[in-house]
Amino acid sequence: MPSYAGPSASRSDDIAGTLRLLVALALAVALMIADHRGGWLTSIRAQLEVLVQPLWRLAGLPAKLGDTVRDDAVTRTRLMEENQTLRNALLISGARTARLQAAADENARLRGLLGAVERGGLDVQLAPILDVALDPTRQRLVLDIGGNQGVRMGQPVIDAGGLLGQVIEVRPSTATVLLLTDPDHAVPVTIARNGIRLVAYGRGDRIELANIPTSGDVKIGDQVVTSGLGGRFPPGFPVGSVVRLRRDDSRVFLVGDLKPAAQLDRGRDVLLLRDVRTPAAAVATPAAGGDASAPPTGSAAATTAGTTGPAAASAVAAGPAPSKPAAGAAAGNAANAATPAAPTAGALAPRSATPRSSAPRPASTAPASTTPAAPPSAAPRSAAQPPAQAPSR
């Protein structure tokens, strides 16, 4: 019978492990009971926590760092999205504000045009601007209306500030406007303060008063308005104000620079004058020594069927003139008797009581423009003499 060799090594290890577990459990139970009843392990636990706490923080640092990085990334992404959203909203708001501001500016311009029409009692036509050509050698506008809408050659163009120019080309659906600042443009004007007659020329980027006599009473700040000479532009419309005076190259005359009254480089609409009449709110002051009782330049009283508008306007606006020779007077009266002028409706009706004489006038007879008793004699004089100022070209 073989002898008992004892338990195997593996079984011995299992038994030893079980015994160690039982001892540990018994020790744990004993410590728990002792701590519960006596509380003498509290201080030991506190000291152990102080020693172990840095290890806990160090062990939890990677996790905390990961959470922080993740939160920062999420926060940054959210902030970037919010920032982009706010930027888009700001752009949209800015575009809306700009559009509203543009609409407000356009409304203000249209109100200004309407106010000018109401103040002057003008018969006008609103014309949108289709294209512009503003350079030193070409100052023109293209309007979005033309002959189909009643636009005609030579029609004056204004805005709320004053005179802009005139129509020089008419097509069925568009029209071209020559601005005051164009080098090819000239307009007879007068100083509103004293009635001095001058001519304003376009210089590409400005308006210039040329050939001002050194003895002329022209000052910086004077308002310049149309004189009506030539019959193209009605009198009294603002052209600009004198901002500078200097001597010309000959040192004999003065040259004045004007600041345009109209807004030549802005706005989207202009006004076309249909009926060329003196504006009610802006009538030029008569020149010194002129006949204050004479009819306004360009009115119906200054033109008849037998006399052209420019000539009649020139005769009235030019004031007194030297007496003509007897032969010239006879020729003028004879021509007047041969072709009587038909008075316009309502304009010359009061003069029908004064008979028109066909006999020659003596050489010493004063011109009709200075003798209120014989106003019809202004017609032959205006037909025989050219205008005092060159018409606009």
Protein backbone atom coordinates (compact mmCIF):
# COMPACT_ATOMS: atom_id res chain seq x y z
CA MET A 1 0.00 0.00 0.00
CA PRO A 2 1.60 3.22 -1.04
CA SER A 3 2.13 5.91 1.60
CA TYR A 4 0.12 9.26 1.67
CA ALA A 5 2.18 11.94 0.09
CA GLY A 6 -0.01 14.86 1.27
CA PRO A 7 -2.02 17.36 -0.81
CA SER A 8 -0.78 18.46 -4.13
CA ALA A 9 0.86 21.84 -4.61
CA SER A 10 -2.12 23.38 -6.39
CA ARG A 11 -4.52 22.36 -3.71
CA SER A 12 -2.21 23.73 -1.04
CA ASP A 13 -2.20 27.10 -2.79
CA ASP A 14 -6.00 27.16 -2.89
CA ILE A 15 -6.27 26.38 0.78
CA ALA A 16 -3.69 29.05 1.64
CA GLY A 17 -5.53 31.64 -0.40
CA THR A 18 -8.81 30.81 1.27
CA LEU A 19 -7.26 31.10 4.71
CA ARG A 20 -5.76 34.53 3.85
CA LEU A 21 -9.15 35.72 2.66
CA LEU A 22 -10.84 34.57 5.83
CA VAL A 23 -8.21 36.26 7.94
CA ALA A 24 -8.58 39.51 5.98
CA LEU A 25 -12.34 39.40 6.31
CA ALA A 26 -12.11 38.74 10.01
CA LEU A 27 -9.67 41.60 10.41
CA ALA A 28 -11.89 43.92 8.42
CA VAL A 29 -14.94 43.00 10.46
CA ALA A 30 -12.98 43.54 13.65
CA LEU A 31 -11.80 46.96 12.48
CA MET A 32 -15.29 47.96 11.46
CA ILE A 33 -16.72 46.95 14.80
CA ALA A 34 -13.92 48.70 16.64
CA ASP A 35 -14.31 51.91 14.56
CA HIS A 36 -18.06 51.88 14.99
CA ARG A 37 -17.90 51.51 18.73
CA GLY A 38 -14.77 53.47 19.63
CA GLY A 39 -14.12 55.89 16.70
CA TRP A 40 -10.39 55.70 17.24
CA LEU A 41 -9.71 55.14 13.50
CA THR A 42 -11.15 58.52 12.44
CA SER A 43 -7.92 60.40 12.95
CA ILE A 44 -5.97 57.72 11.13
CA ARG A 45 -8.39 57.92 8.21
CA ALA A 46 -8.10 61.70 8.04
CA GLN A 47 -4.33 61.54 7.94
CA LEU A 48 -4.45 58.90 5.25
CA GLU A 49 -6.83 61.07 3.17
CA VAL A 50 -4.41 64.00 3.40
CA LEU A 51 -1.64 61.77 2.11
CA VAL A 52 -3.74 60.17 -0.63
CA GLN A 53 -5.57 63.32 -1.88
CA PRO A 54 -2.71 64.55 -4.14
CA LEU A 55 -2.62 61.12 -5.70
CA TRP A 56 -6.34 61.30 -6.39
CA ARG A 57 -5.97 64.74 -8.02
CA LEU A 58 -3.05 63.54 -10.07
CA ALA A 59 -4.98 60.46 -11.13
CA GLY A 60 -8.03 62.55 -12.11
CA LEU A 61 -6.01 65.24 -13.89
CA PRO A 62 -6.05 63.59 -17.37
CA ALA A 63 -9.80 63.14 -17.23
CA LYS A 64 -10.31 66.72 -16.06
CA LEU A 65 -7.95 68.01 -18.73
CA GLY A 66 -9.83 66.06 -21.38
CA ASP A 67 -13.17 67.46 -20.20
CA THR A 68 -11.76 70.99 -20.25
CA VAL A 69 -10.40 70.60 -23.77
CA ARG A 70 -13.66 69.10 -24.97
CA ASP A 71 -15.72 71.88 -23.36
CA ASP A 72 -13.45 74.55 -24.78
CA ALA A 73 -13.69 73.03 -28.24
CA VAL A 74 -17.48 72.88 -28.02
CA THR A 75 -17.63 76.43 -26.67
CA ARG A 76 -15.33 77.75 -29.39
CA THR A 77 -17.38 76.05 -32.09
CA ARG A 78 -20.59 77.46 -30.67
CA LEU A 79 -19.11 80.94 -30.36
CA MET A 80 -17.83 80.83 -33.93
CA GLU A 81 -21.27 79.80 -35.16
CA GLU A 82 -22.92 82.56 -33.14
CA ASN A 83 -20.35 85.06 -34.40
CA GLN A 84 -20.99 84.09 -38.01
CA THR A 85 -24.73 84.29 -37.44
CA LEU A 86 -24.38 87.75 -35.94
CA ARG A 87 -22.11 88.85 -38.79
CA ASN A 88 -24.68 87.70 -41.34
CA ALA A 89 -27.44 89.46 -39.43
CA LEU A 90 -25.30 92.61 -39.28
CA LEU A 91 -24.67 92.51 -43.01
CA ILE A 92 -28.36 92.04 -43.72
CA SER A 93 -29.25 94.85 -41.33
CA GLY A 94 -26.62 97.09 -42.90
CA ALA A 95 -27.96 96.37 -46.39
CA ARG A 96 -31.51 97.09 -45.24
CA THR A 97 -30.41 100.27 -43.52
CA ALA A 98 -28.51 101.42 -46.60
CA ARG A 99 -31.52 100.66 -48.77
CA LEU A 100 -33.83 102.52 -46.40
CA GLN A 101 -31.39 105.43 -46.30
CA ALA A 102 -31.25 105.47 -50.09
CA ALA A 103 -35.04 105.40 -50.19
CA ALA A 104 -35.15 108.24 -47.65
CA ASP A 105 -32.68 110.28 -49.70
CA GLU A 106 -34.65 109.62 -52.86
CA ASN A 107 -37.84 110.58 -51.06
CA ALA A 108 -36.20 113.81 -49.93
CA ARG A 109 -35.07 114.56 -53.50
CA LEU A 110 -38.54 113.87 -54.88
CA ARG A 111 -40.06 116.05 -52.17
CA GLY A 112 -37.63 118.78 -53.19
CA LEU A 113 -38.69 118.44 -56.83
CA LEU A 114 -42.34 118.51 -55.82
CA GLY A 115 -41.71 121.55 -53.64
CA ALA A 116 -40.02 123.36 -56.50
CA VAL A 117 -42.96 122.61 -58.78
CA GLU A 118 -45.50 123.75 -56.18
CA ARG A 119 -43.61 126.94 -55.31
CA GLY A 120 -43.09 127.99 -58.90
CA GLY A 121 -46.41 126.83 -60.31
CA LEU A 122 -44.57 125.12 -63.16
CA ASP A 123 -45.85 122.76 -65.82
CA VAL A 124 -43.20 120.04 -65.71
CA GLN A 125 -42.63 116.42 -66.63
CA LEU A 126 -40.70 114.01 -64.40
CA ALA A 127 -37.88 112.25 -66.26
CA PRO A 128 -35.78 109.37 -64.85
CA ILE A 129 -32.05 109.45 -65.60
CA LEU A 130 -30.95 106.46 -67.68
CA ASP A 131 -27.22 107.17 -68.11
CA VAL A 132 -24.64 109.84 -67.33
CA ALA A 133 -21.49 111.05 -69.07
CA LEU A 134 -19.54 113.28 -66.68
CA ASP A 135 -15.96 114.02 -67.71
CA PRO A 136 -14.05 117.26 -68.38
CA THR A 137 -14.98 117.26 -72.07
CA ARG A 138 -18.50 115.86 -71.93
CA GLN A 139 -21.20 116.73 -69.40
CA ARG A 140 -24.43 115.07 -70.48
CA LEU A 141 -27.35 113.01 -69.21
CA VAL A 142 -29.49 110.45 -71.00
CA LEU A 143 -33.13 110.45 -69.94
CA ASP A 144 -35.46 107.46 -70.00
CA ILE A 145 -38.14 109.34 -71.93
CA GLY A 146 -38.14 110.70 -75.45
CA GLY A 147 -40.24 111.95 -78.30
CA ASN A 148 -42.99 109.42 -77.60
CA GLN A 149 -43.52 111.10 -74.22
CA GLY A 150 -43.57 114.64 -75.62
CA VAL A 151 -39.92 115.63 -75.15
CA ARG A 152 -38.73 118.26 -77.62
CA MET A 153 -35.44 119.83 -78.64
CA GLY A 154 -34.23 122.75 -76.54
CA GLN A 155 -36.51 121.94 -73.61
CA PRO A 156 -35.07 123.34 -70.34
CA VAL A 157 -34.20 120.80 -67.63
CA ILE A 158 -34.27 121.69 -63.91
CA ASP A 159 -34.21 120.07 -60.51
CA ALA A 160 -35.13 121.25 -57.02
CA GLY A 161 -32.06 123.51 -56.87
CA GLY A 162 -32.20 125.25 -60.22
CA LEU A 163 -31.30 124.95 -63.90
CA LEU A 164 -29.54 121.78 -65.08
CA GLY A 165 -29.31 122.26 -68.84
CA GLN A 166 -31.30 121.68 -72.00
CA VAL A 167 -32.34 118.84 -74.28
CA ILE A 168 -30.09 118.64 -77.34
CA GLU A 169 -31.14 115.31 -78.86
CA VAL A 170 -34.50 113.55 -78.88
CA ARG A 171 -35.08 109.93 -79.82
CA PRO A 172 -38.36 108.00 -79.63
CA SER A 173 -37.71 106.59 -76.15
CA THR A 174 -34.67 108.54 -74.85
CA ALA A 175 -33.35 112.08 -74.82
CA THR A 176 -29.91 113.64 -74.26
CA VAL A 177 -29.43 116.63 -71.95
CA LEU A 178 -26.50 119.05 -72.24
CA LEU A 179 -25.55 120.18 -68.72
CA LEU A 180 -24.56 123.72 -67.77
CA THR A 181 -20.98 122.60 -67.12
CA ASP A 182 -20.45 121.17 -70.62
CA PRO A 183 -17.77 123.10 -72.56
CA ASP A 184 -20.23 123.54 -75.45
CA HIS A 185 -22.89 125.19 -73.29
CA ALA A 186 -23.53 128.87 -72.59
CA VAL A 187 -26.54 130.55 -71.01
CA PRO A 188 -27.43 134.25 -70.65
CA VAL A 189 -27.68 135.10 -66.95
CA THR A 190 -28.14 138.08 -64.69
CA ILE A 191 -27.02 138.97 -61.19
CA ALA A 192 -30.16 138.75 -59.05
CA ARG A 193 -28.98 141.54 -56.75
CA ASN A 194 -28.57 144.28 -59.35
CA GLY A 195 -29.62 142.89 -62.75
CA ILE A 196 -26.19 142.96 -64.45
CA ARG A 197 -26.41 140.81 -67.59
CA LEU A 198 -23.62 138.30 -68.27
CA VAL A 199 -23.08 134.95 -69.96
CA ALA A 200 -22.26 131.76 -68.04
CA TYR A 201 -20.05 129.25 -69.86
CA GLY A 202 -19.47 125.59 -69.05
CA ARG A 203 -15.89 124.63 -68.26
CA GLY A 204 -16.19 120.87 -67.80
CA ASP A 205 -16.11 120.81 -64.01
CA ARG A 206 -17.48 124.26 -63.21
CA ILE A 207 -19.48 127.22 -64.51
CA GLU A 208 -17.68 130.43 -65.38
CA LEU A 209 -18.81 134.03 -65.81
CA ALA A 210 -16.62 135.59 -68.48
CA ASN A 211 -15.97 139.20 -69.48
CA ILE A 212 -17.16 140.82 -66.27
CA PRO A 213 -16.32 144.55 -66.39
CA THR A 214 -13.96 145.59 -63.64
CA SER A 215 -16.41 148.36 -62.81
CA GLY A 216 -19.28 145.88 -62.60
CA ASP A 217 -20.91 145.42 -59.22
CA VAL A 218 -20.34 141.66 -58.90
CA LYS A 219 -19.44 140.23 -55.50
CA ILE A 220 -18.66 136.83 -54.07
CA GLY A 221 -21.90 135.27 -52.88
CA ASP A 222 -24.11 136.92 -55.51
CA GLN A 223 -26.90 134.70 -56.79
CA VAL A 224 -26.95 134.23 -60.56
CA VAL A 225 -30.23 133.48 -62.37
CA THR A 226 -31.26 133.07 -65.98
CA SER A 227 -31.98 136.35 -67.76
CA GLY A 228 -34.34 134.98 -70.40
CA LEU A 229 -32.36 136.48 -73.29
CA GLY A 230 -32.44 134.33 -76.38
CA GLY A 231 -35.78 132.81 -75.48
CA ARG A 232 -34.34 129.38 -74.72
CA PHE A 233 -34.34 129.53 -70.92
CA PRO A 234 -37.08 131.26 -68.92
CA PRO A 235 -35.89 134.10 -66.68
CA GLY A 236 -35.47 133.78 -62.94
CA PHE A 237 -34.26 130.19 -62.61
CA PRO A 238 -31.22 129.83 -60.28
CA VAL A 239 -27.96 128.98 -62.04
CA GLY A 240 -25.46 129.27 -59.19
CA SER A 241 -23.66 131.57 -56.80
CA VAL A 242 -20.36 133.40 -57.27
CA VAL A 243 -17.62 131.72 -55.24
CA ARG A 244 -14.52 133.31 -56.78
CA LEU A 245 -13.50 136.37 -58.76
CA ARG A 246 -10.20 136.81 -60.61
CA ARG A 247 -8.76 138.78 -63.52
CA ASP A 248 -8.54 137.18 -66.93
CA ASP A 249 -5.38 136.90 -69.00
CA SER A 250 -5.88 140.33 -70.55
CA ARG A 251 -6.14 141.93 -67.09
CA VAL A 252 -9.05 143.98 -68.46
CA PHE A 253 -12.04 141.89 -67.40
CA LEU A 254 -12.91 139.75 -64.40
CA VAL A 255 -13.78 136.07 -64.48
CA GLY A 256 -16.11 134.56 -61.90
CA ASP A 257 -16.49 130.93 -60.88
CA LEU A 258 -19.99 129.73 -60.03
CA LYS A 259 -21.11 127.00 -57.70
CA PRO A 260 -24.05 125.35 -59.51
CA ALA A 261 -27.40 125.68 -57.79
CA ALA A 262 -28.58 122.35 -59.23
CA GLN A 263 -27.18 118.99 -58.21
CA LEU A 264 -25.47 118.11 -61.47
CA ASP A 265 -23.75 114.95 -60.21
CA ARG A 266 -26.47 113.32 -58.13
CA GLY A 267 -30.11 112.39 -58.17
CA ARG A 268 -32.02 109.92 -60.34
CA ASP A 269 -34.81 112.16 -61.63
CA VAL A 270 -35.03 115.58 -63.27
CA LEU A 271 -37.83 117.87 -64.39
CA LEU A 272 -38.52 118.98 -67.97
CA LEU A 273 -40.24 122.34 -68.36
CA ARG A 274 -43.24 122.05 -70.64
CA ASP A 275 -44.46 125.63 -70.43
CA VAL A 276 -41.63 128.20 -70.46
CA ARG A 277 -42.85 130.89 -68.08
CA THR A 278 -41.32 133.15 -65.47
CA PRO A 279 -41.20 131.24 -62.15
CA ALA A 280 -43.56 132.73 -59.60
CA ALA A 281 -41.10 132.63 -56.70
CA ALA A 282 -37.93 133.75 -58.51
CA VAL A 283 -38.07 136.90 -60.63
CA ALA A 284 -34.83 138.70 -61.42
CA THR A 285 -34.38 142.26 -60.16
CA PRO A 286 -34.49 144.79 -63.07
CA ALA A 287 -31.19 146.38 -64.02
CA ALA A 288 -30.35 149.89 -62.86
CA GLY A 289 -31.87 152.41 -65.23
CA GLY A 290 -34.16 149.87 -66.89
CA ASP A 291 -37.90 150.17 -67.29
CA ALA A 292 -39.45 148.49 -64.25
CA SER A 293 -42.88 148.58 -65.87
CA ALA A 294 -41.76 146.58 -68.91
CA PRO A 295 -43.28 143.10 -69.26
CA PRO A 296 -41.11 140.21 -68.01
CA THR A 297 -38.70 138.68 -70.46
CA GLY A 298 -40.05 135.62 -72.20
CA SER A 299 -43.71 136.42 -71.32
CA ALA A 300 -46.49 136.48 -73.84
CA ALA A 301 -46.45 140.29 -73.91
CA ALA A 302 -42.93 140.26 -75.34
CA THR A 303 -43.63 138.00 -78.32
CA THR A 304 -46.04 138.23 -81.23
CA ALA A 305 -46.75 136.10 -84.22
CA GLY A 306 -44.63 138.32 -86.48
CA THR A 307 -41.65 138.60 -84.09
CA THR A 308 -39.47 135.72 -82.93
CA GLY A 309 -39.25 134.92 -79.23
CA PRO A 310 -35.47 135.48 -78.86
CA ALA A 311 -35.56 138.86 -80.58
CA ALA A 312 -38.51 140.11 -78.53
CA ALA A 313 -36.96 138.85 -75.33
CA SER A 314 -33.68 140.54 -76.20
CA ALA A 315 -35.42 143.85 -76.93
CA VAL A 316 -37.30 143.94 -73.62
CA ALA A 317 -34.49 142.64 -71.42
CA ALA A 318 -31.83 144.85 -73.01
CA GLY A 319 -33.44 148.03 -71.63
CA PRO A 320 -33.16 151.47 -73.31
CA ALA A 321 -31.25 151.70 -76.58
CA PRO A 322 -29.96 154.71 -78.57
CA SER A 323 -32.33 156.28 -81.05
CA LYS A 324 -32.22 154.92 -84.59
CA PRO A 325 -31.78 157.03 -87.77
CA ALA A 326 -34.85 158.26 -89.51
CA ALA A 327 -34.34 155.92 -92.43
CA GLY A 328 -34.05 152.94 -90.13
CA ALA A 329 -37.14 154.00 -88.23
CA ALA A 330 -39.09 154.45 -91.43
CA ALA A 331 -38.03 151.07 -92.71
CA GLY A 332 -38.94 149.44 -89.43
CA ASN A 333 -42.35 151.08 -89.27
CA ALA A 334 -43.03 150.30 -92.91
CA ALA A 335 -42.21 146.66 -92.34
CA ASN A 336 -44.40 146.73 -89.26
CA ALA A 337 -47.29 148.18 -91.22
CA ALA A 338 -46.85 145.60 -93.98
CA THR A 339 -46.87 142.64 -91.62
CA PRO A 340 -48.98 143.43 -88.57
CA ALA A 341 -48.29 141.27 -85.54
CA ALA A 342 -51.18 139.20 -84.28
CA PRO A 343 -51.37 139.59 -80.49
CA THR A 344 -51.30 136.47 -78.40
CA ALA A 345 -54.37 135.47 -76.44
CA GLY A 346 -54.80 137.69 -73.40
CA ALA A 347 -51.27 139.10 -73.62
CA LEU A 348 -51.67 142.12 -75.92
CA ALA A 349 -55.40 142.68 -75.47
CA PRO A 350 -54.90 145.85 -73.35
CA ARG A 351 -52.85 147.41 -76.16
CA SER A 352 -55.64 147.17 -78.75
CA ALA A 353 -56.84 150.65 -77.80
CA THR A 354 -53.60 152.21 -79.05
CA PRO A 355 -53.57 152.29 -82.90
CA ARG A 356 -50.38 151.12 -84.58
CA SER A 357 -49.05 153.89 -86.75
CA SER A 358 -47.45 153.07 -90.08
CA ALA A 359 -45.90 156.53 -90.58
CA PRO A 360 -42.12 156.85 -90.22
CA ARG A 361 -40.88 158.07 -86.87
CA PRO A 362 -38.61 161.11 -86.61
CA ALA A 363 -34.96 160.50 -85.84
CA SER A 364 -35.30 162.04 -82.38
CA THR A 365 -38.15 159.77 -81.32
CA ALA A 366 -37.20 157.68 -78.25
CA PRO A 367 -37.41 153.89 -78.46
CA ALA A 368 -40.68 152.29 -77.53
CA SER A 369 -39.11 150.47 -74.59
CA THR A 370 -38.66 153.83 -72.75
CA THR A 371 -42.05 155.38 -73.74
CA PRO A 372 -44.97 153.65 -72.01
CA ALA A 373 -47.46 155.48 -74.28
CA ALA A 374 -46.40 153.54 -77.40
CA PRO A 375 -45.40 150.01 -76.36
CA PRO A 376 -46.29 148.37 -79.74
CA SER A 377 -43.26 150.02 -81.39
CA ALA A 378 -41.02 147.57 -79.53
CA ALA A 379 -42.00 144.91 -82.06
CA PRO A 380 -40.25 146.42 -85.13
CA ARG A 381 -37.16 147.27 -83.05
CA SER A 382 -36.88 143.71 -81.80
CA ALA A 383 -37.33 142.40 -85.30
CA ALA A 384 -34.63 144.66 -86.72
CA GLN A 385 -31.95 144.34 -84.06
CA PRO A 386 -30.25 141.11 -82.91
CA PRO A 387 -30.31 140.07 -79.24
CA ALA A 388 -27.94 141.88 -76.91
CA GLN A 389 -26.50 138.61 -75.56
CA ALA A 390 -25.50 135.53 -77.48
CA PRO A 391 -28.06 132.73 -77.08
CA SER A 392 -27.09 129.45 -75.51
CA ARG A 393 -25.32 127.12 -77.86
